[in-house]
Amino acid sequence: MPERNVVDGSLSLAEQSQTLNFYQQQARCKITNYQKDLTAANPQNISTSQKLPLGTNIPTLQLIAIASGNSASDVQSPNTTLSFDNIVFVGSDSMHVAGFHETV
């Protein structure tokens, strides 16, 4: 069953990436979706994750901002897979962000 967690939307993109990677390691899971929470009074994002079996390598998550007019495929690094492509809060402002997991 997927788990949902809140991440502070006032954090920088690098800080959110660190937070999500720390969570993945602690919870032995993989973030499968990340989007802004439109119901909260303060800017925050919601991550959805899937538990991984014991012994499974936990892939590192990369959050990458996508400039206007570009798509996730324009910013994708080699040896990564796209996990999500959404609008999230970064520094309390809306930003188009893609999340890529390194191929393990």
PDB file of N, CA and C in Angstrom:
ATOM      1  N   MET A   1       0.840  -1.181   0.000  1.00  0.00           N
ATOM      2  CA  MET A   1       0.000   0.000   0.000  1.00  0.00           C
ATOM      3  C   MET A   1       0.888   1.249   0.000  1.00  0.00           C
ATOM      4  N   PRO A   2       0.619   2.202  -0.870  1.00  0.00           N
ATOM      5  CA  PRO A   2       1.450   3.419  -0.937  1.00  0.00           C
ATOM      6  C   PRO A   2       1.350   4.246   0.346  1.00  0.00           C
ATOM      7  N   GLU A   3       2.443   4.899   0.686  1.00  0.00           N
ATOM      8  CA  GLU A   3       2.483   5.797   1.838  1.00  0.00           C
ATOM      9  C   GLU A   3       2.591   7.223   1.331  1.00  0.00           C
ATOM     10  N   ARG A   4       2.018   8.169   2.079  1.00  0.00           N
ATOM     11  CA  ARG A   4       2.072   9.575   1.706  1.00  0.00           C
ATOM     12  C   ARG A   4       2.759  10.351   2.818  1.00  0.00           C
ATOM     13  N   ASN A   5       3.597  11.310   2.419  1.00  0.00           N
ATOM     14  CA  ASN A   5       4.315  12.137   3.373  1.00  0.00           C
ATOM     15  C   ASN A   5       4.330  13.581   2.905  1.00  0.00           C
ATOM     16  N   VAL A   6       4.426  14.495   3.863  1.00  0.00           N
ATOM     17  CA  VAL A   6       4.436  15.922   3.576  1.00  0.00           C
ATOM     18  C   VAL A   6       5.872  16.437   3.595  1.00  0.00           C
ATOM     19  N   VAL A   7       6.196  17.299   2.621  1.00  0.00           N
ATOM     20  CA  VAL A   7       7.505  17.954   2.555  1.00  0.00           C
ATOM     21  C   VAL A   7       7.255  19.465   2.489  1.00  0.00           C
ATOM     22  N   ASP A   8       7.997  20.212   3.255  1.00  0.00           N
ATOM     23  CA  ASP A   8       7.873  21.667   3.330  1.00  0.00           C
ATOM     24  C   ASP A   8       8.157  22.297   1.965  1.00  0.00           C
ATOM     25  N   GLY A   9       7.180  22.997   1.417  1.00  0.00           N
ATOM     26  CA  GLY A   9       7.311  23.613   0.102  1.00  0.00           C
ATOM     27  C   GLY A   9       8.120  24.897   0.100  1.00  0.00           C
ATOM     28  N   SER A  10       8.539  25.376   1.284  1.00  0.00           N
ATOM     29  CA  SER A  10       9.387  26.570   1.328  1.00  0.00           C
ATOM     30  C   SER A  10      10.869  26.219   1.167  1.00  0.00           C
ATOM     31  N   LEU A  11      11.191  24.920   1.207  1.00  0.00           N
ATOM     32  CA  LEU A  11      12.580  24.479   1.047  1.00  0.00           C
ATOM     33  C   LEU A  11      13.038  24.646  -0.399  1.00  0.00           C
ATOM     34  N   SER A  12      14.356  24.737  -0.588  1.00  0.00           N
ATOM     35  CA  SER A  12      14.937  24.780  -1.934  1.00  0.00           C
ATOM     36  C   SER A  12      14.782  23.408  -2.589  1.00  0.00           C
ATOM     37  N   LEU A  13      15.007  23.345  -3.885  1.00  0.00           N
ATOM     38  CA  LEU A  13      14.914  22.074  -4.599  1.00  0.00           C
ATOM     39  C   LEU A  13      15.950  21.077  -4.069  1.00  0.00           C
ATOM     40  N   ALA A  14      17.164  21.550  -3.802  1.00  0.00           N
ATOM     41  CA  ALA A  14      18.210  20.670  -3.261  1.00  0.00           C
ATOM     42  C   ALA A  14      17.816  20.132  -1.885  1.00  0.00           C
ATOM     43  N   GLU A  15      17.235  20.979  -1.043  1.00  0.00           N
ATOM     44  CA  GLU A  15      16.810  20.535   0.293  1.00  0.00           C
ATOM     45  C   GLU A  15      15.674  19.525   0.197  1.00  0.00           C
ATOM     46  N   GLN A  16      14.751  19.730  -0.731  1.00  0.00           N
ATOM     47  CA  GLN A  16      13.665  18.766  -0.904  1.00  0.00           C
ATOM     48  C   GLN A  16      14.201  17.437  -1.423  1.00  0.00           C
ATOM     49  N   SER A  17      15.162  17.489  -2.326  1.00  0.00           N
ATOM     50  CA  SER A  17      15.776  16.276  -2.845  1.00  0.00           C
ATOM     51  C   SER A  17      16.458  15.500  -1.712  1.00  0.00           C
ATOM     52  N   GLN A  18      17.193  16.203  -0.856  1.00  0.00           N
ATOM     53  CA  GLN A  18      17.855  15.567   0.285  1.00  0.00           C
ATOM     54  C   GLN A  18      16.821  14.944   1.228  1.00  0.00           C
ATOM     55  N   THR A  19      15.737  15.671   1.485  1.00  0.00           N
ATOM     56  CA  THR A  19      14.680  15.180   2.371  1.00  0.00           C
ATOM     57  C   THR A  19      14.065  13.900   1.818  1.00  0.00           C
ATOM     58  N   LEU A  20      13.749  13.900   0.533  1.00  0.00           N
ATOM     59  CA  LEU A  20      13.123  12.722  -0.076  1.00  0.00           C
ATOM     60  C   LEU A  20      14.074  11.534  -0.135  1.00  0.00           C
ATOM     61  N   ASN A  21      15.341  11.772  -0.434  1.00  0.00           N
ATOM     62  CA  ASN A  21      16.312  10.674  -0.451  1.00  0.00           C
ATOM     63  C   ASN A  21      16.536  10.105   0.945  1.00  0.00           C
ATOM     64  N   PHE A  22      16.581  10.975   1.955  1.00  0.00           N
ATOM     65  CA  PHE A  22      16.706  10.505   3.335  1.00  0.00           C
ATOM     66  C   PHE A  22      15.494   9.636   3.692  1.00  0.00           C
ATOM     67  N   TYR A  23      14.304  10.106   3.341  1.00  0.00           N
ATOM     68  CA  TYR A  23      13.096   9.341   3.631  1.00  0.00           C
ATOM     69  C   TYR A  23      13.136   7.974   2.941  1.00  0.00           C
ATOM     70  N   GLN A  24      13.536   7.941   1.673  1.00  0.00           N
ATOM     71  CA  GLN A  24      13.612   6.665   0.960  1.00  0.00           C
ATOM     72  C   GLN A  24      14.514   5.674   1.695  1.00  0.00           C
ATOM     73  N   GLN A  25      15.670   6.155   2.165  1.00  0.00           N
ATOM     74  CA  GLN A  25      16.612   5.277   2.860  1.00  0.00           C
ATOM     75  C   GLN A  25      16.041   4.789   4.196  1.00  0.00           C
ATOM     76  N   GLN A  26      15.426   5.696   4.943  1.00  0.00           N
ATOM     77  CA  GLN A  26      14.903   5.343   6.270  1.00  0.00           C
ATOM     78  C   GLN A  26      13.694   4.414   6.181  1.00  0.00           C
ATOM     79  N   ALA A  27      12.832   4.655   5.201  1.00  0.00           N
ATOM     80  CA  ALA A  27      11.598   3.877   5.085  1.00  0.00           C
ATOM     81  C   ALA A  27      11.725   2.692   4.130  1.00  0.00           C
ATOM     82  N   ARG A  28      12.907   2.531   3.520  1.00  0.00           N
ATOM     83  CA  ARG A  28      13.133   1.464   2.543  1.00  0.00           C
ATOM     84  C   ARG A  28      12.041   1.480   1.480  1.00  0.00           C
ATOM     85  N   CYS A  29      11.943   2.629   0.788  1.00  0.00           N
ATOM     86  CA  CYS A  29      10.893   2.801  -0.199  1.00  0.00           C
ATOM     87  C   CYS A  29      11.423   3.571  -1.405  1.00  0.00           C
ATOM     88  N   LYS A  30      10.563   3.712  -2.396  1.00  0.00           N
ATOM     89  CA  LYS A  30      10.868   4.473  -3.602  1.00  0.00           C
ATOM     90  C   LYS A  30       9.744   5.489  -3.789  1.00  0.00           C
ATOM     91  N   ILE A  31      10.114   6.767  -3.949  1.00  0.00           N
ATOM     92  CA  ILE A  31       9.124   7.809  -4.191  1.00  0.00           C
ATOM     93  C   ILE A  31       8.556   7.598  -5.595  1.00  0.00           C
ATOM     94  N   THR A  32       7.234   7.479  -5.684  1.00  0.00           N
ATOM     95  CA  THR A  32       6.592   7.210  -6.973  1.00  0.00           C
ATOM     96  C   THR A  32       5.832   8.412  -7.515  1.00  0.00           C
ATOM     97  N   ASN A  33       5.530   9.390  -6.653  1.00  0.00           N
ATOM     98  CA  ASN A  33       4.851  10.604  -7.100  1.00  0.00           C
ATOM     99  C   ASN A  33       5.167  11.727  -6.120  1.00  0.00           C
ATOM    100  N   TYR A  34       5.133  12.951  -6.628  1.00  0.00           N
ATOM    101  CA  TYR A  34       5.427  14.126  -5.813  1.00  0.00           C
ATOM    102  C   TYR A  34       4.679  15.291  -6.428  1.00  0.00           C
ATOM    103  N   GLN A  35       3.853  15.964  -5.637  1.00  0.00           N
ATOM    104  CA  GLN A  35       3.055  17.067  -6.168  1.00  0.00           C
ATOM    105  C   GLN A  35       2.708  18.033  -5.051  1.00  0.00           C
ATOM    106  N   LYS A  36       2.299  19.253  -5.446  1.00  0.00           N
ATOM    107  CA  LYS A  36       1.955  20.226  -4.422  1.00  0.00           C
ATOM    108  C   LYS A  36       0.603  19.892  -3.825  1.00  0.00           C
ATOM    109  N   ASP A  37       0.482  20.197  -2.535  1.00  0.00           N
ATOM    110  CA  ASP A  37      -0.742  19.973  -1.783  1.00  0.00           C
ATOM    111  C   ASP A  37      -1.577  21.246  -1.876  1.00  0.00           C
ATOM    112  N   LEU A  38      -2.669  21.177  -2.584  1.00  0.00           N
ATOM    113  CA  LEU A  38      -3.512  22.354  -2.789  1.00  0.00           C
ATOM    114  C   LEU A  38      -4.478  22.602  -1.636  1.00  0.00           C
ATOM    115  N   THR A  39      -4.550  21.677  -0.676  1.00  0.00           N
ATOM    116  CA  THR A  39      -5.491  21.823   0.435  1.00  0.00           C
ATOM    117  C   THR A  39      -4.863  22.450   1.671  1.00  0.00           C
ATOM    118  N   ALA A  40      -3.551  22.584   1.702  1.00  0.00           N
ATOM    119  CA  ALA A  40      -2.850  23.083   2.889  1.00  0.00           C
ATOM    120  C   ALA A  40      -2.810  24.609   2.906  1.00  0.00           C
ATOM    121  N   ALA A  41      -2.785  25.180   4.117  1.00  0.00           N
ATOM    122  CA  ALA A  41      -2.698  26.634   4.264  1.00  0.00           C
ATOM    123  C   ALA A  41      -1.296  27.135   3.917  1.00  0.00           C
ATOM    124  N   ASN A  42      -0.277  26.350   4.243  1.00  0.00           N
ATOM    125  CA  ASN A  42       1.117  26.706   3.942  1.00  0.00           C
ATOM    126  C   ASN A  42       1.584  25.908   2.732  1.00  0.00           C
ATOM    127  N   PRO A  43       2.575  26.432   1.986  1.00  0.00           N
ATOM    128  CA  PRO A  43       3.058  25.670   0.819  1.00  0.00           C
ATOM    129  C   PRO A  43       3.714  24.360   1.257  1.00  0.00           C
ATOM    130  N   GLN A  44       3.149  23.276   0.798  1.00  0.00           N
ATOM    131  CA  GLN A  44       3.735  21.970   1.083  1.00  0.00           C
ATOM    132  C   GLN A  44       3.452  21.037  -0.075  1.00  0.00           C
ATOM    133  N   ASN A  45       4.294  20.015  -0.162  1.00  0.00           N
ATOM    134  CA  ASN A  45       4.193  19.009  -1.212  1.00  0.00           C
ATOM    135  C   ASN A  45       3.910  17.653  -0.577  1.00  0.00           C
ATOM    136  N   ILE A  46       3.293  16.801  -1.350  1.00  0.00           N
ATOM    137  CA  ILE A  46       2.970  15.449  -0.890  1.00  0.00           C
ATOM    138  C   ILE A  46       3.760  14.445  -1.728  1.00  0.00           C
ATOM    139  N   SER A  47       4.477  13.560  -1.042  1.00  0.00           N
ATOM    140  CA  SER A  47       5.155  12.467  -1.750  1.00  0.00           C
ATOM    141  C   SER A  47       4.371  11.188  -1.518  1.00  0.00           C
ATOM    142  N   THR A  48       4.342  10.370  -2.538  1.00  0.00           N
ATOM    143  CA  THR A  48       3.748   9.041  -2.441  1.00  0.00           C
ATOM    144  C   THR A  48       4.875   8.050  -2.681  1.00  0.00           C
ATOM    145  N   SER A  49       4.942   7.023  -1.842  1.00  0.00           N
ATOM    146  CA  SER A  49       6.039   6.066  -1.966  1.00  0.00           C
ATOM    147  C   SER A  49       5.532   4.639  -1.902  1.00  0.00           C
ATOM    148  N   GLN A  50       6.357   3.753  -2.432  1.00  0.00           N
ATOM    149  CA  GLN A  50       6.068   2.329  -2.426  1.00  0.00           C
ATOM    150  C   GLN A  50       7.183   1.617  -1.672  1.00  0.00           C
ATOM    151  N   LYS A  51       6.826   0.794  -0.693  1.00  0.00           N
ATOM    152  CA  LYS A  51       7.816   0.015   0.053  1.00  0.00           C
ATOM    153  C   LYS A  51       8.560  -0.924  -0.886  1.00  0.00           C
ATOM    154  N   LEU A  52       9.848  -1.123  -0.601  1.00  0.00           N
ATOM    155  CA  LEU A  52      10.678  -2.042  -1.385  1.00  0.00           C
ATOM    156  C   LEU A  52      11.006  -3.267  -0.538  1.00  0.00           C
ATOM    157  N   PRO A  53      11.117  -4.431  -1.166  1.00  0.00           N
ATOM    158  CA  PRO A  53      11.476  -5.644  -0.422  1.00  0.00           C
ATOM    159  C   PRO A  53      12.874  -5.518   0.197  1.00  0.00           C
ATOM    160  N   LEU A  54      13.080  -6.178   1.317  1.00  0.00           N
ATOM    161  CA  LEU A  54      14.399  -6.201   1.945  1.00  0.00           C
ATOM    162  C   LEU A  54      15.427  -6.704   0.948  1.00  0.00           C
ATOM    163  N   GLY A  55      16.592  -6.091   0.955  1.00  0.00           N
ATOM    164  CA  GLY A  55      17.663  -6.483   0.048  1.00  0.00           C
ATOM    165  C   GLY A  55      17.647  -5.758  -1.284  1.00  0.00           C
ATOM    166  N   THR A  56      16.572  -5.030  -1.567  1.00  0.00           N
ATOM    167  CA  THR A  56      16.479  -4.273  -2.815  1.00  0.00           C
ATOM    168  C   THR A  56      17.311  -2.999  -2.701  1.00  0.00           C
ATOM    169  N   ASN A  57      18.099  -2.704  -3.723  1.00  0.00           N
ATOM    170  CA  ASN A  57      18.836  -1.441  -3.744  1.00  0.00           C
ATOM    171  C   ASN A  57      17.848  -0.294  -3.877  1.00  0.00           C
ATOM    172  N   ILE A  58      18.053   0.744  -3.082  1.00  0.00           N
ATOM    173  CA  ILE A  58      17.179   1.910  -3.125  1.00  0.00           C
ATOM    174  C   ILE A  58      17.799   2.927  -4.072  1.00  0.00           C
ATOM    175  N   PRO A  59      17.144   3.213  -5.189  1.00  0.00           N
ATOM    176  CA  PRO A  59      17.726   4.123  -6.172  1.00  0.00           C
ATOM    177  C   PRO A  59      17.691   5.573  -5.696  1.00  0.00           C
ATOM    178  N   THR A  60      18.738   6.319  -5.991  1.00  0.00           N
ATOM    179  CA  THR A  60      18.806   7.735  -5.645  1.00  0.00           C
ATOM    180  C   THR A  60      17.821   8.511  -6.499  1.00  0.00           C
ATOM    181  N   LEU A  61      17.122   9.445  -5.865  1.00  0.00           N
ATOM    182  CA  LEU A  61      16.155  10.292  -6.549  1.00  0.00           C
ATOM    183  C   LEU A  61      16.801  11.626  -6.894  1.00  0.00           C
ATOM    184  N   GLN A  62      16.605  12.083  -8.122  1.00  0.00           N
ATOM    185  CA  GLN A  62      17.071  13.401  -8.570  1.00  0.00           C
ATOM    186  C   GLN A  62      15.846  14.249  -8.885  1.00  0.00           C
ATOM    187  N   LEU A  63      15.751  15.429  -8.269  1.00  0.00           N
ATOM    188  CA  LEU A  63      14.708  16.393  -8.625  1.00  0.00           C
ATOM    189  C   LEU A  63      15.335  17.424  -9.551  1.00  0.00           C
ATOM    190  N   ILE A  64      14.719  17.651 -10.702  1.00  0.00           N
ATOM    191  CA  ILE A  64      15.266  18.588 -11.678  1.00  0.00           C
ATOM    192  C   ILE A  64      14.161  19.536 -12.122  1.00  0.00           C
ATOM    193  N   ALA A  65      14.439  20.840 -12.028  1.00  0.00           N
ATOM    194  CA  ALA A  65      13.498  21.856 -12.486  1.00  0.00           C
ATOM    195  C   ALA A  65      13.420  21.826 -14.014  1.00  0.00           C
ATOM    196  N   ILE A  66      12.229  22.023 -14.529  1.00  0.00           N
ATOM    197  CA  ILE A  66      12.010  22.029 -15.975  1.00  0.00           C
ATOM    198  C   ILE A  66      11.607  23.441 -16.388  1.00  0.00           C
ATOM    199  N   ALA A  67      12.398  24.035 -17.250  1.00  0.00           N
ATOM    200  CA  ALA A  67      12.126  25.395 -17.729  1.00  0.00           C
ATOM    201  C   ALA A  67      10.895  25.401 -18.633  1.00  0.00           C
ATOM    202  N   SER A  68      10.246  26.541 -18.693  1.00  0.00           N
ATOM    203  CA  SER A  68       9.079  26.717 -19.547  1.00  0.00           C
ATOM    204  C   SER A  68       9.420  26.342 -20.990  1.00  0.00           C
ATOM    205  N   GLY A  69       8.544  25.570 -21.616  1.00  0.00           N
ATOM    206  CA  GLY A  69       8.763  25.152 -22.991  1.00  0.00           C
ATOM    207  C   GLY A  69       9.533  23.853 -23.125  1.00  0.00           C
ATOM    208  N   ASN A  70      10.075  23.338 -22.024  1.00  0.00           N
ATOM    209  CA  ASN A  70      10.816  22.072 -22.050  1.00  0.00           C
ATOM    210  C   ASN A  70       9.972  20.961 -21.442  1.00  0.00           C
ATOM    211  N   SER A  71      10.429  19.748 -21.626  1.00  0.00           N
ATOM    212  CA  SER A  71       9.753  18.586 -21.049  1.00  0.00           C
ATOM    213  C   SER A  71      10.751  17.785 -20.210  1.00  0.00           C
ATOM    214  N   ALA A  72      10.237  16.793 -19.518  1.00  0.00           N
ATOM    215  CA  ALA A  72      11.097  15.950 -18.675  1.00  0.00           C
ATOM    216  C   ALA A  72      12.195  15.285 -19.503  1.00  0.00           C
ATOM    217  N   SER A  73      11.880  14.879 -20.713  1.00  0.00           N
ATOM    218  CA  SER A  73      12.885  14.210 -21.544  1.00  0.00           C
ATOM    219  C   SER A  73      14.039  15.149 -21.906  1.00  0.00           C
ATOM    220  N   ASP A  74      13.787  16.467 -21.901  1.00  0.00           N
ATOM    221  CA  ASP A  74      14.845  17.435 -22.205  1.00  0.00           C
ATOM    222  C   ASP A  74      15.895  17.525 -21.093  1.00  0.00           C
ATOM    223  N   VAL A  75      15.528  17.172 -19.863  1.00  0.00           N
ATOM    224  CA  VAL A  75      16.450  17.315 -18.729  1.00  0.00           C
ATOM    225  C   VAL A  75      16.887  15.969 -18.146  1.00  0.00           C
ATOM    226  N   GLN A  76      16.430  14.880 -18.741  1.00  0.00           N
ATOM    227  CA  GLN A  76      16.738  13.550 -18.206  1.00  0.00           C
ATOM    228  C   GLN A  76      18.193  13.173 -18.425  1.00  0.00           C
ATOM    229  N   SER A  77      18.845  12.740 -17.350  1.00  0.00           N
ATOM    230  CA  SER A  77      20.227  12.259 -17.410  1.00  0.00           C
ATOM    231  C   SER A  77      20.248  10.808 -17.874  1.00  0.00           C
ATOM    232  N   PRO A  78      21.377  10.381 -18.459  1.00  0.00           N
ATOM    233  CA  PRO A  78      21.501   8.964 -18.820  1.00  0.00           C
ATOM    234  C   PRO A  78      21.394   8.090 -17.568  1.00  0.00           C
ATOM    235  N   ASN A  79      20.977   6.881 -17.746  1.00  0.00           N
ATOM    236  CA  ASN A  79      20.874   5.887 -16.672  1.00  0.00           C
ATOM    237  C   ASN A  79      19.902   6.304 -15.581  1.00  0.00           C
ATOM    238  N   THR A  80      18.814   6.974 -15.974  1.00  0.00           N
ATOM    239  CA  THR A  80      17.747   7.312 -15.036  1.00  0.00           C
ATOM    240  C   THR A  80      16.405   6.956 -15.655  1.00  0.00           C
ATOM    241  N   THR A  81      15.402   6.774 -14.800  1.00  0.00           N
ATOM    242  CA  THR A  81      14.033   6.557 -15.256  1.00  0.00           C
ATOM    243  C   THR A  81      13.144   7.633 -14.638  1.00  0.00           C
ATOM    244  N   LEU A  82      12.185   8.103 -15.407  1.00  0.00           N
ATOM    245  CA  LEU A  82      11.261   9.123 -14.940  1.00  0.00           C
ATOM    246  C   LEU A  82      10.275   8.509 -13.958  1.00  0.00           C
ATOM    247  N   SER A  83      10.157   9.127 -12.777  1.00  0.00           N
ATOM    248  CA  SER A  83       9.205   8.658 -11.773  1.00  0.00           C
ATOM    249  C   SER A  83       7.984   9.558 -11.680  1.00  0.00           C
ATOM    250  N   PHE A  84       8.165  10.859 -11.901  1.00  0.00           N
ATOM    251  CA  PHE A  84       7.044  11.794 -11.888  1.00  0.00           C
ATOM    252  C   PHE A  84       7.447  13.091 -12.574  1.00  0.00           C
ATOM    253  N   ASP A  85       6.451  13.847 -12.989  1.00  0.00           N
ATOM    254  CA  ASP A  85       6.627  15.108 -13.709  1.00  0.00           C
ATOM    255  C   ASP A  85       5.438  15.978 -13.303  1.00  0.00           C
ATOM    256  N   ASN A  86       5.634  16.876 -12.306  1.00  0.00           N
ATOM    257  CA  ASN A  86       4.525  17.626 -11.728  1.00  0.00           C
ATOM    258  C   ASN A  86       4.924  19.044 -11.355  1.00  0.00           C
ATOM    259  N   ILE A  87       3.927  19.803 -10.962  1.00  0.00           N
ATOM    260  CA  ILE A  87       4.137  21.127 -10.395  1.00  0.00           C
ATOM    261  C   ILE A  87       4.212  20.963  -8.876  1.00  0.00           C
ATOM    262  N   VAL A  88       5.272  21.507  -8.275  1.00  0.00           N
ATOM    263  CA  VAL A  88       5.456  21.441  -6.825  1.00  0.00           C
ATOM    264  C   VAL A  88       5.840  22.830  -6.301  1.00  0.00           C
ATOM    265  N   PHE A  89       5.743  22.981  -4.988  1.00  0.00           N
ATOM    266  CA  PHE A  89       6.231  24.208  -4.360  1.00  0.00           C
ATOM    267  C   PHE A  89       7.728  24.089  -4.126  1.00  0.00           C
ATOM    268  N   VAL A  90       8.480  25.108  -4.526  1.00  0.00           N
ATOM    269  CA  VAL A  90       9.918  25.209  -4.262  1.00  0.00           C
ATOM    270  C   VAL A  90      10.168  26.645  -3.842  1.00  0.00           C
ATOM    271  N   GLY A  91      10.712  26.831  -2.636  1.00  0.00           N
ATOM    272  CA  GLY A  91      10.894  28.189  -2.128  1.00  0.00           C
ATOM    273  C   GLY A  91       9.571  28.921  -2.043  1.00  0.00           C
ATOM    274  N   SER A  92       8.495  28.194  -1.777  1.00  0.00           N
ATOM    275  CA  SER A  92       7.116  28.682  -1.654  1.00  0.00           C
ATOM    276  C   SER A  92       6.487  29.108  -2.975  1.00  0.00           C
ATOM    277  N   ASP A  93       7.174  28.933  -4.101  1.00  0.00           N
ATOM    278  CA  ASP A  93       6.631  29.254  -5.421  1.00  0.00           C
ATOM    279  C   ASP A  93       6.389  27.969  -6.209  1.00  0.00           C
ATOM    280  N   SER A  94       5.452  28.005  -7.134  1.00  0.00           N
ATOM    281  CA  SER A  94       5.175  26.843  -7.981  1.00  0.00           C
ATOM    282  C   SER A  94       6.294  26.669  -9.001  1.00  0.00           C
ATOM    283  N   MET A  95       6.702  25.415  -9.199  1.00  0.00           N
ATOM    284  CA  MET A  95       7.767  25.112 -10.155  1.00  0.00           C
ATOM    285  C   MET A  95       7.477  23.762 -10.808  1.00  0.00           C
ATOM    286  N   HIS A  96       7.759  23.673 -12.095  1.00  0.00           N
ATOM    287  CA  HIS A  96       7.630  22.409 -12.822  1.00  0.00           C
ATOM    288  C   HIS A  96       8.884  21.578 -12.535  1.00  0.00           C
ATOM    289  N   VAL A  97       8.690  20.398 -11.973  1.00  0.00           N
ATOM    290  CA  VAL A  97       9.813  19.551 -11.536  1.00  0.00           C
ATOM    291  C   VAL A  97       9.598  18.109 -12.002  1.00  0.00           C
ATOM    292  N   ALA A  98      10.675  17.479 -12.412  1.00  0.00           N
ATOM    293  CA  ALA A  98      10.648  16.047 -12.730  1.00  0.00           C
ATOM    294  C   ALA A  98      11.500  15.308 -11.703  1.00  0.00           C
ATOM    295  N   GLY A  99      11.074  14.120 -11.389  1.00  0.00           N
ATOM    296  CA  GLY A  99      11.830  13.257 -10.482  1.00  0.00           C
ATOM    297  C   GLY A  99      12.316  12.029 -11.230  1.00  0.00           C
ATOM    298  N   PHE A 100      13.620  11.817 -11.182  1.00  0.00           N
ATOM    299  CA  PHE A 100      14.238  10.680 -11.863  1.00  0.00           C
ATOM    300  C   PHE A 100      14.943   9.805 -10.841  1.00  0.00           C
ATOM    301  N   HIS A 101      14.795   8.497 -10.971  1.00  0.00           N
ATOM    302  CA  HIS A 101      15.539   7.551 -10.158  1.00  0.00           C
ATOM    303  C   HIS A 101      16.686   6.998 -10.988  1.00  0.00           C
ATOM    304  N   GLU A 102      17.850   6.895 -10.342  1.00  0.00           N
ATOM    305  CA  GLU A 102      18.986   6.280 -11.018  1.00  0.00           C
ATOM    306  C   GLU A 102      18.686   4.814 -11.266  1.00  0.00           C
ATOM    307  N   THR A 103      19.081   4.326 -12.429  1.00  0.00           N
ATOM    308  CA  THR A 103      18.907   2.927 -12.753  1.00  0.00           C
ATOM    309  C   THR A 103      19.920   2.134 -11.943  1.00  0.00           C
ATOM    310  N   VAL A 104      19.408   1.171 -11.191  1.00  0.00           N
ATOM    311  CA  VAL A 104      20.277   0.383 -10.303  1.00  0.00           C
ATOM    312  C   VAL A 104      20.713  -0.882 -10.983  1.00  0.00           C
TER     313      VAL A 104
END
